[in-house]
Amino acid sequence: MESEYRKGYVYIQNHFAGIIAETEEGYSFTYDRKYLKREDKAAVSLTLPLREEPYRTTILFPFFDGLIPEGWLLGVVSRNWKINQNDRFGLLLAACRDCIGDVCIRGEIK
């Protein structure tokens, strides 16, 4: 099993849905088993349909990367939290706690 460096807890409509993690190989996203049993479950995105097996990639999943602020707001986030703009996962964890839309990323399980 690959080591996890940092991880975030993914919520869909305030329901814990899964974990995104930075690993030795890149990134992984895994839906929570309890979430998959919910009647009202929904996929985090069309590119990450519901399934039990983890998704793995060498780059940050485009859906999650798209949650990160852009332009002047990215500069504000980077300066205020002292996060390098190239640290996309760090920006995701810091800036996506309260995103517009159904999905948010938190540092702990609520």
Protein backbone atom coordinates (compact mmCIF):
# COMPACT_ATOMS: atom_id res chain seq x y z
CA MET A 1 0.00 0.00 0.00
CA GLU A 2 1.29 3.45 -0.85
CA SER A 3 1.93 5.98 1.91
CA GLU A 4 -0.37 8.96 2.28
CA TYR A 5 1.23 12.35 2.87
CA ARG A 6 -1.82 14.60 3.25
CA LYS A 7 -5.52 13.89 2.96
CA GLY A 8 -8.82 15.69 2.82
CA TYR A 9 -12.31 14.55 3.65
CA VAL A 10 -14.71 15.11 0.78
CA TYR A 11 -18.31 16.11 1.53
CA ILE A 12 -21.19 16.18 -0.91
CA GLN A 13 -24.17 18.23 0.32
CA ASN A 14 -22.66 18.05 3.84
CA HIS A 15 -22.52 14.22 3.79
CA PHE A 16 -19.10 12.60 4.18
CA ALA A 17 -18.50 10.97 0.79
CA GLY A 18 -14.85 9.95 0.64
CA ILE A 19 -11.18 10.74 1.05
CA ILE A 20 -8.78 12.41 -1.35
CA ALA A 21 -5.13 11.77 -0.52
CA GLU A 22 -1.71 12.81 -1.72
CA THR A 23 0.43 9.67 -2.01
CA GLU A 24 3.90 8.55 -3.05
CA GLU A 25 2.53 7.82 -6.53
CA GLY A 26 0.37 10.95 -6.92
CA TYR A 27 -3.22 11.15 -5.70
CA SER A 28 -6.08 8.84 -4.78
CA PHE A 29 -9.79 9.31 -4.21
CA THR A 30 -11.92 6.68 -2.49
CA TYR A 31 -15.64 6.82 -1.82
CA ASP A 32 -16.66 5.97 1.74
CA ARG A 33 -18.39 2.56 1.97
CA LYS A 34 -21.20 3.95 4.14
CA TYR A 35 -21.78 6.74 1.64
CA LEU A 36 -22.05 4.22 -1.21
CA LYS A 37 -24.90 2.51 0.70
CA ARG A 38 -26.96 5.72 1.00
CA GLU A 39 -30.11 5.93 -1.11
CA ASP A 40 -29.42 9.59 -1.89
CA LYS A 41 -25.77 9.11 -2.88
CA ALA A 42 -24.36 11.10 -5.77
CA ALA A 43 -21.04 10.98 -7.57
CA VAL A 44 -18.58 13.77 -6.82
CA SER A 45 -18.35 14.38 -10.57
CA LEU A 46 -19.10 12.69 -13.88
CA THR A 47 -15.40 11.85 -14.18
CA LEU A 48 -15.42 10.05 -10.80
CA PRO A 49 -18.52 7.81 -10.90
CA LEU A 50 -19.55 5.89 -7.79
CA ARG A 51 -17.53 2.74 -7.14
CA GLU A 52 -15.80 0.92 -4.29
CA GLU A 53 -12.33 0.79 -5.86
CA PRO A 54 -10.05 3.79 -5.32
CA TYR A 55 -9.26 6.13 -8.18
CA ARG A 56 -5.54 6.81 -8.65
CA THR A 57 -3.70 9.37 -10.76
CA THR A 58 -0.29 11.00 -11.00
CA ILE A 59 -1.79 14.52 -11.25
CA LEU A 60 -4.46 16.14 -9.10
CA PHE A 61 -7.86 15.05 -10.41
CA PRO A 62 -9.12 17.79 -12.75
CA PHE A 63 -12.44 18.04 -10.89
CA PHE A 64 -10.70 18.78 -7.58
CA ASP A 65 -8.17 21.09 -9.24
CA GLY A 66 -11.11 23.03 -10.64
CA LEU A 67 -12.34 23.80 -7.11
CA ILE A 68 -9.20 25.83 -6.37
CA PRO A 69 -9.64 29.61 -6.74
CA GLU A 70 -8.10 31.36 -9.73
CA GLY A 71 -6.79 34.81 -10.56
CA TRP A 72 -6.61 37.46 -7.86
CA LEU A 73 -8.41 35.21 -5.35
CA LEU A 74 -5.71 32.56 -5.80
CA GLY A 75 -3.13 35.24 -4.95
CA VAL A 76 -5.05 36.18 -1.80
CA VAL A 77 -5.32 32.53 -0.69
CA SER A 78 -1.65 31.87 -1.44
CA ARG A 79 -0.46 34.95 0.49
CA ASN A 80 -2.82 34.61 3.46
CA TRP A 81 -2.10 30.92 4.08
CA LYS A 82 1.49 31.11 2.82
CA ILE A 83 0.95 28.30 0.34
CA ASN A 84 2.94 28.15 -2.89
CA GLN A 85 0.63 28.46 -5.89
CA ASN A 86 2.21 25.30 -7.32
CA ASP A 87 1.09 23.30 -4.23
CA ARG A 88 -2.30 22.48 -5.70
CA PHE A 89 -3.18 19.92 -3.01
CA GLY A 90 -2.27 22.35 -0.23
CA LEU A 91 -4.45 25.00 -1.87
CA LEU A 92 -7.29 22.49 -2.19
CA LEU A 93 -7.13 21.67 1.53
CA ALA A 94 -6.92 25.33 2.58
CA ALA A 95 -9.33 27.02 0.21
CA CYS A 96 -12.04 24.45 -0.48
CA ARG A 97 -13.59 24.08 2.96
CA ASP A 98 -16.56 26.16 1.87
CA CYS A 99 -16.84 25.96 -1.90
CA ILE A 100 -19.68 27.14 -4.08
CA GLY A 101 -21.67 24.06 -5.06
CA ASP A 102 -22.25 20.65 -3.53
CA VAL A 103 -18.65 19.60 -2.79
CA CYS A 104 -16.30 20.77 -0.06
CA ILE A 105 -13.01 19.47 1.32
CA ARG A 106 -12.32 19.44 5.06
CA GLY A 107 -9.28 18.52 7.10
CA GLU A 108 -11.26 16.24 9.41
CA ILE A 109 -14.44 14.20 9.55
CA LYS A 110 -17.36 16.30 10.77
